[in-house]
């Protein structure tokens, strides 16, 4: 049996779908995979440093919250600003005071959802949080479950802060896209 038909098919395929830099192949496969879904999530982050069961504890650094101080967190994410409202997830990770000239944090955390449509999924955040700004933007760098291949950004806005304890409630608006 001749290999001539195979050679002809291979030549046609190579001519139409391959190029020296692979551009045609990338466009062919990319067009099929560009089904992005964008979701907007809204919730409140409760960062509690005081009391018998704080959700944020200092693991490194001085007590005065200076440069290098790092706190490990397992903060509640709730539907409403009220700390007693329904918990939809947890913010787990850490943040560190990462600037010497201003109060800016390095945030490394996962929003792990425990209720609703996104239960069992998570969003990963890694970014700079200049706390004294009214609204801070941080990037979404990935996710799991329904947020696999996630990208996007979060907007954080402090709605309540107790200067004596360091406790805070932060409103989060999350804009996340993932390839379906």
N, C-alpha and C. Protein backbone atom coordinates (compact mmCIF):
# COMPACT_ATOMS: atom_id res chain seq x y z
N UNK A 1 0.84 -1.17 0.00
CA UNK A 1 0.00 0.00 0.00
C UNK A 1 0.88 1.23 0.00
N UNK A 2 0.50 2.20 -0.76
CA UNK A 2 1.29 3.40 -0.94
C UNK A 2 1.07 4.38 0.22
N UNK A 3 2.11 5.10 0.57
CA UNK A 3 1.99 6.13 1.60
C UNK A 3 1.71 7.49 0.97
N UNK A 4 1.46 7.49 -0.32
CA UNK A 4 1.20 8.74 -1.03
C UNK A 4 -0.02 9.50 -0.50
N UNK A 5 -1.19 8.86 -0.24
CA UNK A 5 -2.33 9.61 0.31
C UNK A 5 -2.02 10.26 1.66
N UNK A 6 -1.30 9.54 2.50
CA UNK A 6 -0.91 10.10 3.80
C UNK A 6 -0.03 11.33 3.60
N UNK A 7 0.91 11.24 2.68
CA UNK A 7 1.82 12.34 2.39
C UNK A 7 1.04 13.56 1.90
N UNK A 8 0.05 13.36 1.04
CA UNK A 8 -0.75 14.47 0.52
C UNK A 8 -1.54 15.13 1.67
N UNK A 9 -2.19 14.32 2.51
CA UNK A 9 -2.95 14.88 3.63
C UNK A 9 -2.04 15.63 4.60
N UNK A 10 -0.89 15.08 4.90
CA UNK A 10 0.06 15.74 5.78
C UNK A 10 0.51 17.07 5.21
N UNK A 11 0.78 17.10 3.91
CA UNK A 11 1.22 18.33 3.24
C UNK A 11 0.13 19.39 3.29
N UNK A 12 -1.12 19.00 3.03
CA UNK A 12 -2.24 19.95 3.08
C UNK A 12 -2.40 20.48 4.50
N UNK A 13 -2.41 19.60 5.48
CA UNK A 13 -2.52 20.01 6.88
C UNK A 13 -1.40 20.97 7.26
N UNK A 14 -0.18 20.62 6.92
CA UNK A 14 0.98 21.45 7.25
C UNK A 14 0.89 22.82 6.61
N UNK A 15 0.43 22.87 5.38
CA UNK A 15 0.36 24.13 4.65
C UNK A 15 -0.68 25.06 5.26
N UNK A 16 -1.84 24.53 5.62
CA UNK A 16 -2.92 25.37 6.11
C UNK A 16 -2.88 25.65 7.61
N UNK A 17 -2.35 24.76 8.40
CA UNK A 17 -2.43 24.93 9.84
C UNK A 17 -1.10 25.20 10.55
N UNK A 18 -0.01 25.00 9.88
CA UNK A 18 1.28 25.25 10.51
C UNK A 18 1.94 26.45 9.87
N UNK A 19 2.67 27.19 10.65
CA UNK A 19 3.52 28.24 10.12
C UNK A 19 4.81 28.16 10.90
N UNK A 20 5.80 28.94 10.51
CA UNK A 20 7.10 28.83 11.17
C UNK A 20 7.03 29.21 12.64
N UNK A 21 6.11 30.10 13.01
CA UNK A 21 6.02 30.46 14.43
C UNK A 21 4.80 29.87 15.12
N UNK A 22 4.02 29.06 14.43
CA UNK A 22 2.86 28.42 15.04
C UNK A 22 1.65 29.31 15.20
N UNK A 23 1.65 30.49 14.57
CA UNK A 23 0.56 31.44 14.73
C UNK A 23 -0.77 30.83 14.30
N UNK A 24 -0.81 30.18 13.16
CA UNK A 24 -2.08 29.63 12.68
C UNK A 24 -2.62 28.57 13.62
N UNK A 25 -1.77 27.75 14.15
CA UNK A 25 -2.23 26.73 15.10
C UNK A 25 -2.75 27.40 16.37
N UNK A 26 -2.06 28.41 16.87
CA UNK A 26 -2.52 29.10 18.07
C UNK A 26 -3.88 29.73 17.83
N UNK A 27 -4.07 30.36 16.67
CA UNK A 27 -5.36 30.98 16.38
C UNK A 27 -6.45 29.94 16.27
N UNK A 28 -6.16 28.80 15.66
CA UNK A 28 -7.15 27.74 15.48
C UNK A 28 -7.63 27.23 16.83
N UNK A 29 -6.70 26.92 17.72
CA UNK A 29 -7.09 26.38 19.02
C UNK A 29 -7.60 27.46 19.96
N UNK A 30 -7.04 28.67 19.89
CA UNK A 30 -7.46 29.76 20.76
C UNK A 30 -8.91 30.15 20.50
N UNK A 31 -9.32 30.17 19.25
CA UNK A 31 -10.70 30.55 18.92
C UNK A 31 -11.69 29.61 19.58
N UNK A 32 -11.34 28.36 19.71
CA UNK A 32 -12.23 27.38 20.30
C UNK A 32 -12.26 27.48 21.83
N UNK A 33 -11.21 28.05 22.42
CA UNK A 33 -11.11 28.07 23.88
C UNK A 33 -11.46 29.43 24.49
N UNK A 34 -11.81 30.41 23.70
CA UNK A 34 -12.06 31.76 24.22
C UNK A 34 -13.49 31.97 24.70
N UNK A 35 -14.01 31.08 25.47
CA UNK A 35 -15.35 31.22 26.03
C UNK A 35 -15.23 31.66 27.48
N UNK A 36 -14.90 32.93 27.67
CA UNK A 36 -14.71 33.45 29.02
C UNK A 36 -16.05 33.82 29.65
N UNK A 37 -16.16 33.53 30.92
CA UNK A 37 -17.30 33.95 31.72
C UNK A 37 -16.76 34.90 32.78
N UNK A 38 -17.39 36.05 32.92
CA UNK A 38 -16.99 37.00 33.95
C UNK A 38 -18.06 37.04 35.02
N UNK A 39 -17.61 36.93 36.26
CA UNK A 39 -18.53 36.96 37.40
C UNK A 39 -18.17 38.14 38.29
N UNK A 40 -19.19 38.73 38.91
CA UNK A 40 -18.98 39.77 39.91
C UNK A 40 -19.46 39.22 41.24
N UNK A 41 -18.55 39.15 42.20
CA UNK A 41 -18.90 38.68 43.54
C UNK A 41 -18.75 39.86 44.50
N UNK A 42 -19.59 39.91 45.50
CA UNK A 42 -19.57 40.99 46.48
C UNK A 42 -19.72 40.37 47.87
N UNK A 43 -18.80 40.69 48.76
CA UNK A 43 -18.87 40.17 50.13
C UNK A 43 -18.02 41.03 51.05
N UNK A 44 -18.04 40.68 52.34
CA UNK A 44 -17.30 41.43 53.35
C UNK A 44 -16.30 40.51 54.06
N UNK A 45 -15.12 41.05 54.26
CA UNK A 45 -13.95 40.37 54.84
C UNK A 45 -13.83 40.88 56.27
N UNK A 46 -13.81 39.98 57.26
CA UNK A 46 -13.76 40.36 58.67
C UNK A 46 -12.40 39.96 59.24
N UNK A 47 -11.53 40.96 59.40
CA UNK A 47 -10.17 40.75 59.90
C UNK A 47 -10.16 41.10 61.39
N UNK A 48 -10.13 40.07 62.23
CA UNK A 48 -10.25 40.25 63.68
C UNK A 48 -8.94 39.87 64.36
N UNK A 49 -8.29 40.88 64.96
CA UNK A 49 -7.03 40.67 65.67
C UNK A 49 -7.23 40.56 67.18
N UNK A 50 -8.39 40.93 67.67
CA UNK A 50 -8.66 40.98 69.11
C UNK A 50 -9.51 39.80 69.56
N UNK A 51 -9.69 39.72 70.88
CA UNK A 51 -10.58 38.72 71.46
C UNK A 51 -9.92 37.37 71.68
N UNK A 52 -10.76 36.41 72.13
CA UNK A 52 -10.26 35.07 72.46
C UNK A 52 -9.94 34.23 71.22
N UNK A 53 -10.64 34.49 70.12
CA UNK A 53 -10.42 33.70 68.90
C UNK A 53 -10.22 34.64 67.69
N UNK A 54 -9.04 35.27 67.64
CA UNK A 54 -8.79 36.17 66.49
C UNK A 54 -8.69 35.37 65.19
N UNK A 55 -9.04 36.04 64.09
CA UNK A 55 -8.92 35.39 62.78
C UNK A 55 -7.63 35.79 62.07
N UNK A 56 -6.87 36.69 62.69
CA UNK A 56 -5.57 37.12 62.17
C UNK A 56 -4.58 37.14 63.33
N UNK A 57 -3.47 36.44 63.20
CA UNK A 57 -2.47 36.39 64.26
C UNK A 57 -1.09 36.73 63.70
N UNK A 58 -0.37 37.52 64.47
CA UNK A 58 0.99 37.92 64.07
C UNK A 58 1.91 36.70 64.16
N UNK A 59 2.64 36.44 63.08
CA UNK A 59 3.58 35.32 63.09
C UNK A 59 5.03 35.78 63.00
N UNK A 60 5.24 37.01 62.51
CA UNK A 60 6.59 37.57 62.37
C UNK A 60 6.50 39.07 62.61
N UNK A 61 7.53 39.63 63.22
CA UNK A 61 7.62 41.08 63.34
C UNK A 61 7.22 41.61 64.69
N UNK A 62 7.35 42.93 64.81
CA UNK A 62 7.10 43.59 66.08
C UNK A 62 5.61 43.83 66.30
N UNK A 63 5.24 44.13 67.53
CA UNK A 63 3.85 44.37 67.89
C UNK A 63 3.32 45.69 67.34
N UNK A 64 4.21 46.60 66.93
CA UNK A 64 3.74 47.92 66.47
C UNK A 64 3.33 47.93 65.00
N UNK A 65 3.18 46.77 64.39
CA UNK A 65 2.75 46.64 62.99
C UNK A 65 3.67 47.36 62.02
N UNK A 66 4.97 47.37 62.31
CA UNK A 66 5.93 48.02 61.43
C UNK A 66 6.35 47.15 60.27
N UNK A 67 7.23 47.70 59.47
CA UNK A 67 7.75 47.03 58.28
C UNK A 67 8.19 45.60 58.60
N UNK A 68 7.71 44.66 57.82
CA UNK A 68 8.05 43.25 57.99
C UNK A 68 7.09 42.45 58.83
N UNK A 69 6.23 43.14 59.57
CA UNK A 69 5.25 42.40 60.38
C UNK A 69 4.35 41.59 59.46
N UNK A 70 4.12 40.33 59.84
CA UNK A 70 3.32 39.42 59.02
C UNK A 70 2.26 38.76 59.87
N UNK A 71 1.05 38.73 59.33
CA UNK A 71 -0.07 38.09 60.02
C UNK A 71 -0.65 36.97 59.17
N UNK A 72 -0.90 35.83 59.79
CA UNK A 72 -1.58 34.71 59.15
C UNK A 72 -3.07 34.91 59.36
N UNK A 73 -3.88 34.68 58.31
CA UNK A 73 -5.31 34.94 58.42
C UNK A 73 -6.16 33.73 58.04
N UNK A 74 -7.31 33.68 58.69
CA UNK A 74 -8.40 32.77 58.33
C UNK A 74 -9.67 33.57 58.63
N UNK A 75 -9.91 34.60 57.80
CA UNK A 75 -10.98 35.57 58.02
C UNK A 75 -12.29 35.12 57.37
N UNK A 76 -13.39 35.41 58.05
CA UNK A 76 -14.72 35.11 57.51
C UNK A 76 -15.03 36.05 56.35
N UNK A 77 -15.69 35.50 55.34
CA UNK A 77 -16.25 36.27 54.24
C UNK A 77 -17.76 36.15 54.37
N UNK A 78 -18.44 37.27 54.53
CA UNK A 78 -19.88 37.23 54.76
C UNK A 78 -20.65 37.96 53.67
N UNK A 79 -21.94 37.61 53.58
CA UNK A 79 -22.82 38.25 52.58
C UNK A 79 -23.02 39.73 52.85
N UNK A 80 -23.10 40.09 54.13
CA UNK A 80 -23.38 41.48 54.51
C UNK A 80 -22.29 41.98 55.45
N UNK A 81 -22.32 43.28 55.71
CA UNK A 81 -21.32 43.89 56.59
C UNK A 81 -21.42 43.38 58.02
N UNK A 82 -22.59 43.00 58.45
CA UNK A 82 -22.81 42.50 59.81
C UNK A 82 -22.01 41.20 60.01
N UNK A 83 -21.14 41.17 61.03
CA UNK A 83 -20.34 39.96 61.26
C UNK A 83 -21.17 38.70 61.51
N UNK A 84 -22.44 38.88 61.89
CA UNK A 84 -23.31 37.73 62.15
C UNK A 84 -24.06 37.27 60.90
N UNK A 85 -23.85 37.94 59.77
CA UNK A 85 -24.53 37.52 58.54
C UNK A 85 -23.91 36.22 58.03
N UNK A 86 -24.56 35.62 57.05
CA UNK A 86 -24.17 34.31 56.54
C UNK A 86 -22.72 34.30 56.02
N UNK A 87 -21.96 33.32 56.50
CA UNK A 87 -20.58 33.13 56.03
C UNK A 87 -20.62 32.37 54.70
N UNK A 88 -20.02 32.96 53.67
CA UNK A 88 -19.98 32.31 52.35
C UNK A 88 -18.61 31.73 52.03
N UNK A 89 -17.61 32.11 52.84
CA UNK A 89 -16.26 31.61 52.59
C UNK A 89 -15.28 32.10 53.62
N UNK A 90 -14.01 31.80 53.36
CA UNK A 90 -12.91 32.20 54.24
C UNK A 90 -11.80 32.80 53.39
N UNK A 91 -11.16 33.83 53.92
CA UNK A 91 -9.94 34.37 53.32
C UNK A 91 -8.79 33.75 54.10
N UNK A 92 -8.02 32.91 53.44
CA UNK A 92 -6.93 32.19 54.12
C UNK A 92 -5.61 32.52 53.45
N UNK A 93 -4.61 32.84 54.26
CA UNK A 93 -3.29 33.19 53.74
C UNK A 93 -2.55 34.05 54.73
N UNK A 94 -1.86 35.08 54.21
CA UNK A 94 -1.16 36.00 55.09
C UNK A 94 -1.03 37.36 54.42
N UNK A 95 -0.74 38.36 55.25
CA UNK A 95 -0.37 39.67 54.73
C UNK A 95 0.78 40.22 55.55
N UNK A 96 1.61 41.00 54.88
CA UNK A 96 2.80 41.57 55.51
C UNK A 96 2.88 43.06 55.22
N UNK A 97 3.40 43.82 56.19
CA UNK A 97 3.68 45.23 55.94
C UNK A 97 4.92 45.25 55.04
N UNK A 98 4.72 45.69 53.79
CA UNK A 98 5.77 45.52 52.78
C UNK A 98 6.38 46.84 52.30
N UNK A 99 6.02 47.95 52.92
CA UNK A 99 6.58 49.24 52.52
C UNK A 99 7.10 49.97 53.74
N UNK A 100 8.18 50.72 53.56
CA UNK A 100 8.76 51.47 54.67
C UNK A 100 8.26 52.91 54.74
N UNK A 101 7.84 53.47 53.62
CA UNK A 101 7.45 54.87 53.57
C UNK A 101 5.95 55.10 53.67
N UNK A 102 5.15 54.04 53.56
CA UNK A 102 3.69 54.15 53.68
C UNK A 102 3.15 52.84 54.25
N UNK A 103 1.87 52.83 54.57
CA UNK A 103 1.27 51.61 55.10
C UNK A 103 0.69 50.82 53.93
N UNK A 104 1.48 49.91 53.38
CA UNK A 104 1.05 49.08 52.26
C UNK A 104 1.38 47.63 52.59
N UNK A 105 0.42 46.77 52.30
CA UNK A 105 0.55 45.35 52.61
C UNK A 105 0.81 44.54 51.35
N UNK A 106 1.52 43.44 51.51
CA UNK A 106 1.59 42.40 50.50
C UNK A 106 0.54 41.38 50.91
N UNK A 107 -0.48 41.16 50.05
CA UNK A 107 -1.56 40.23 50.35
C UNK A 107 -1.34 38.94 49.57
N UNK A 108 -1.32 37.82 50.28
CA UNK A 108 -1.22 36.50 49.66
C UNK A 108 -2.33 35.67 50.30
N UNK A 109 -3.43 35.49 49.55
CA UNK A 109 -4.57 34.82 50.17
C UNK A 109 -5.44 34.13 49.13
N UNK A 110 -6.18 33.17 49.64
CA UNK A 110 -7.18 32.47 48.85
C UNK A 110 -8.55 32.77 49.44
N UNK A 111 -9.49 33.10 48.58
CA UNK A 111 -10.88 33.17 48.99
C UNK A 111 -11.46 31.79 48.74
N UNK A 112 -11.73 31.06 49.82
CA UNK A 112 -12.23 29.69 49.74
C UNK A 112 -13.72 29.73 50.03
N UNK A 113 -14.53 29.34 49.04
CA UNK A 113 -15.98 29.45 49.18
C UNK A 113 -16.56 28.17 49.78
N UNK A 114 -17.47 28.35 50.76
CA UNK A 114 -18.04 27.22 51.49
C UNK A 114 -19.55 27.12 51.32
N UNK A 115 -20.15 28.05 50.58
CA UNK A 115 -21.60 28.08 50.38
C UNK A 115 -21.92 28.47 48.95
N UNK A 116 -23.11 28.10 48.52
CA UNK A 116 -23.65 28.57 47.25
C UNK A 116 -23.03 27.93 46.03
N UNK A 117 -23.19 28.61 44.92
CA UNK A 117 -22.75 28.13 43.60
C UNK A 117 -21.26 27.80 43.57
N UNK A 118 -20.45 28.57 44.30
CA UNK A 118 -18.99 28.41 44.23
C UNK A 118 -18.41 27.54 45.35
N UNK A 119 -19.27 26.88 46.11
CA UNK A 119 -18.82 26.01 47.20
C UNK A 119 -17.76 25.04 46.69
N UNK A 120 -16.63 24.97 47.40
CA UNK A 120 -15.54 24.08 47.01
C UNK A 120 -14.54 24.69 46.05
N UNK A 121 -14.81 25.89 45.58
CA UNK A 121 -13.90 26.59 44.65
C UNK A 121 -13.16 27.68 45.40
N UNK A 122 -12.06 28.14 44.82
CA UNK A 122 -11.30 29.22 45.46
C UNK A 122 -10.72 30.16 44.41
N UNK A 123 -10.42 31.37 44.87
CA UNK A 123 -9.77 32.40 44.05
C UNK A 123 -8.49 32.80 44.77
N UNK A 124 -7.38 32.89 44.05
CA UNK A 124 -6.09 33.27 44.64
C UNK A 124 -5.75 34.72 44.32
N UNK A 125 -5.39 35.45 45.37
CA UNK A 125 -5.04 36.87 45.26
C UNK A 125 -3.57 37.02 45.66
N UNK A 126 -2.84 37.81 44.90
CA UNK A 126 -1.45 38.12 45.23
C UNK A 126 -1.20 39.55 44.78
N UNK A 127 -1.05 40.47 45.73
CA UNK A 127 -0.85 41.84 45.30
C UNK A 127 -0.61 42.81 46.42
N UNK A 128 -0.41 44.05 46.01
CA UNK A 128 -0.12 45.16 46.90
C UNK A 128 -1.42 45.82 47.35
N UNK A 129 -1.52 46.11 48.65
CA UNK A 129 -2.70 46.73 49.23
C UNK A 129 -2.28 47.99 50.00
N UNK A 130 -2.31 49.16 49.34
CA UNK A 130 -1.99 50.42 50.04
C UNK A 130 -3.18 50.83 50.91
N UNK A 131 -3.18 50.40 52.14
CA UNK A 131 -4.33 50.43 53.04
C UNK A 131 -4.94 51.83 53.21
N UNK A 132 -4.17 52.87 53.12
CA UNK A 132 -4.71 54.21 53.35
C UNK A 132 -5.51 54.73 52.15
N UNK A 133 -5.43 54.07 51.01
CA UNK A 133 -6.26 54.46 49.86
C UNK A 133 -7.69 54.02 50.12
N UNK A 134 -8.65 54.80 49.66
CA UNK A 134 -10.05 54.46 49.86
C UNK A 134 -10.39 53.13 49.21
N UNK A 135 -9.99 52.96 47.95
CA UNK A 135 -10.23 51.71 47.22
C UNK A 135 -8.89 51.20 46.73
N UNK A 136 -8.66 49.92 46.96
CA UNK A 136 -7.41 49.28 46.54
C UNK A 136 -7.71 48.17 45.55
N UNK A 137 -6.89 48.07 44.51
CA UNK A 137 -7.05 47.03 43.50
C UNK A 137 -5.92 46.01 43.63
N UNK A 138 -6.29 44.73 43.60
CA UNK A 138 -5.31 43.65 43.65
C UNK A 138 -5.66 42.62 42.59
N UNK A 139 -4.65 41.96 42.03
CA UNK A 139 -4.92 40.99 40.96
C UNK A 139 -5.33 39.61 41.46
N UNK A 140 -6.15 38.97 40.65
CA UNK A 140 -6.47 37.55 40.83
C UNK A 140 -5.47 36.80 39.98
N UNK A 141 -4.75 35.86 40.59
CA UNK A 141 -3.69 35.15 39.87
C UNK A 141 -4.03 33.70 39.55
N UNK A 142 -5.21 33.26 39.97
CA UNK A 142 -5.61 31.88 39.67
C UNK A 142 -6.78 31.47 40.52
N UNK A 143 -7.08 30.17 40.45
CA UNK A 143 -8.18 29.65 41.23
C UNK A 143 -8.31 28.15 41.07
N UNK A 144 -9.29 27.60 41.77
CA UNK A 144 -9.57 26.17 41.69
C UNK A 144 -11.05 25.95 41.47
N UNK A 145 -11.42 24.73 41.13
CA UNK A 145 -12.82 24.38 40.93
C UNK A 145 -13.43 25.19 39.80
N UNK A 146 -14.55 25.85 40.07
CA UNK A 146 -15.20 26.67 39.04
C UNK A 146 -14.34 27.86 38.63
N UNK A 147 -13.31 28.17 39.41
CA UNK A 147 -12.42 29.29 39.09
C UNK A 147 -11.07 28.83 38.52
N UNK A 148 -11.01 27.61 38.04
CA UNK A 148 -9.77 27.14 37.41
C UNK A 148 -9.43 28.08 36.24
N UNK A 149 -8.17 28.44 36.09
CA UNK A 149 -7.68 29.38 35.07
C UNK A 149 -8.23 30.80 35.27
N UNK A 150 -8.60 31.14 36.50
CA UNK A 150 -9.17 32.46 36.78
C UNK A 150 -8.15 33.57 36.62
N UNK A 151 -8.68 34.73 36.25
CA UNK A 151 -7.90 35.96 36.22
C UNK A 151 -8.90 37.09 36.46
N UNK A 152 -8.38 38.22 36.86
CA UNK A 152 -9.25 39.36 37.13
C UNK A 152 -8.66 40.24 38.20
N UNK A 153 -9.54 40.90 38.93
CA UNK A 153 -9.07 41.81 39.98
C UNK A 153 -10.12 41.91 41.08
N UNK A 154 -9.66 42.36 42.24
CA UNK A 154 -10.55 42.64 43.36
C UNK A 154 -10.39 44.11 43.74
N UNK A 155 -11.48 44.69 44.19
CA UNK A 155 -11.45 46.05 44.73
C UNK A 155 -11.81 45.94 46.20
N UNK A 156 -10.93 46.46 47.05
CA UNK A 156 -11.14 46.41 48.50
C UNK A 156 -11.39 47.82 49.02
N UNK A 157 -12.38 47.93 49.91
CA UNK A 157 -12.74 49.22 50.51
C UNK A 157 -13.04 48.98 51.99
N UNK A 158 -12.27 49.60 52.87
CA UNK A 158 -12.49 49.43 54.31
C UNK A 158 -13.75 50.18 54.72
N UNK A 159 -14.69 49.45 55.31
CA UNK A 159 -15.95 50.07 55.75
C UNK A 159 -15.97 50.31 57.26
N UNK A 160 -15.10 49.64 58.00
CA UNK A 160 -15.04 49.83 59.44
C UNK A 160 -13.64 49.44 59.92
N UNK A 161 -13.08 50.25 60.83
CA UNK A 161 -11.76 49.96 61.39
C UNK A 161 -11.72 50.45 62.83
N UNK A 162 -11.23 49.61 63.72
CA UNK A 162 -11.05 49.98 65.13
C UNK A 162 -9.56 50.18 65.37
N UNK A 163 -9.15 51.43 65.55
CA UNK A 163 -7.73 51.75 65.71
C UNK A 163 -7.13 51.15 66.98
N UNK A 164 -7.96 50.88 68.00
CA UNK A 164 -7.45 50.31 69.25
C UNK A 164 -7.10 48.83 69.11
N UNK A 165 -7.90 48.09 68.36
CA UNK A 165 -7.69 46.64 68.26
C UNK A 165 -7.06 46.20 66.94
N UNK A 166 -7.22 47.02 65.91
CA UNK A 166 -6.76 46.64 64.57
C UNK A 166 -7.81 45.85 63.80
N UNK A 167 -8.96 45.58 64.42
CA UNK A 167 -10.04 44.86 63.74
C UNK A 167 -10.58 45.71 62.59
N UNK A 168 -10.97 45.03 61.51
CA UNK A 168 -11.48 45.75 60.35
C UNK A 168 -12.51 44.91 59.60
N UNK A 169 -13.41 45.61 58.93
CA UNK A 169 -14.33 44.98 57.97
C UNK A 169 -14.05 45.65 56.63
N UNK A 170 -13.79 44.83 55.63
CA UNK A 170 -13.43 45.32 54.30
C UNK A 170 -14.43 44.78 53.29
N UNK A 171 -14.98 45.68 52.51
CA UNK A 171 -15.90 45.30 51.43
C UNK A 171 -15.07 44.90 50.22
N UNK A 172 -15.41 43.77 49.63
CA UNK A 172 -14.72 43.28 48.43
C UNK A 172 -15.69 43.17 47.27
N UNK A 173 -15.30 43.75 46.15
CA UNK A 173 -15.96 43.55 44.87
C UNK A 173 -14.96 42.79 44.01
N UNK A 174 -15.35 41.61 43.58
CA UNK A 174 -14.46 40.70 42.85
C UNK A 174 -14.96 40.58 41.43
N UNK A 175 -14.07 40.81 40.48
CA UNK A 175 -14.39 40.66 39.06
C UNK A 175 -13.47 39.56 38.52
N UNK A 176 -14.04 38.41 38.26
CA UNK A 176 -13.23 37.25 37.91
C UNK A 176 -13.71 36.64 36.60
N UNK A 177 -12.76 36.34 35.73
CA UNK A 177 -13.05 35.67 34.47
C UNK A 177 -12.31 34.35 34.46
N UNK A 178 -12.95 33.36 33.90
CA UNK A 178 -12.31 32.05 33.74
C UNK A 178 -12.76 31.45 32.43
N UNK A 179 -11.88 30.70 31.82
CA UNK A 179 -12.21 30.02 30.58
C UNK A 179 -13.07 28.82 30.92
N UNK A 180 -14.19 28.69 30.25
CA UNK A 180 -15.08 27.57 30.53
C UNK A 180 -14.75 26.38 29.66
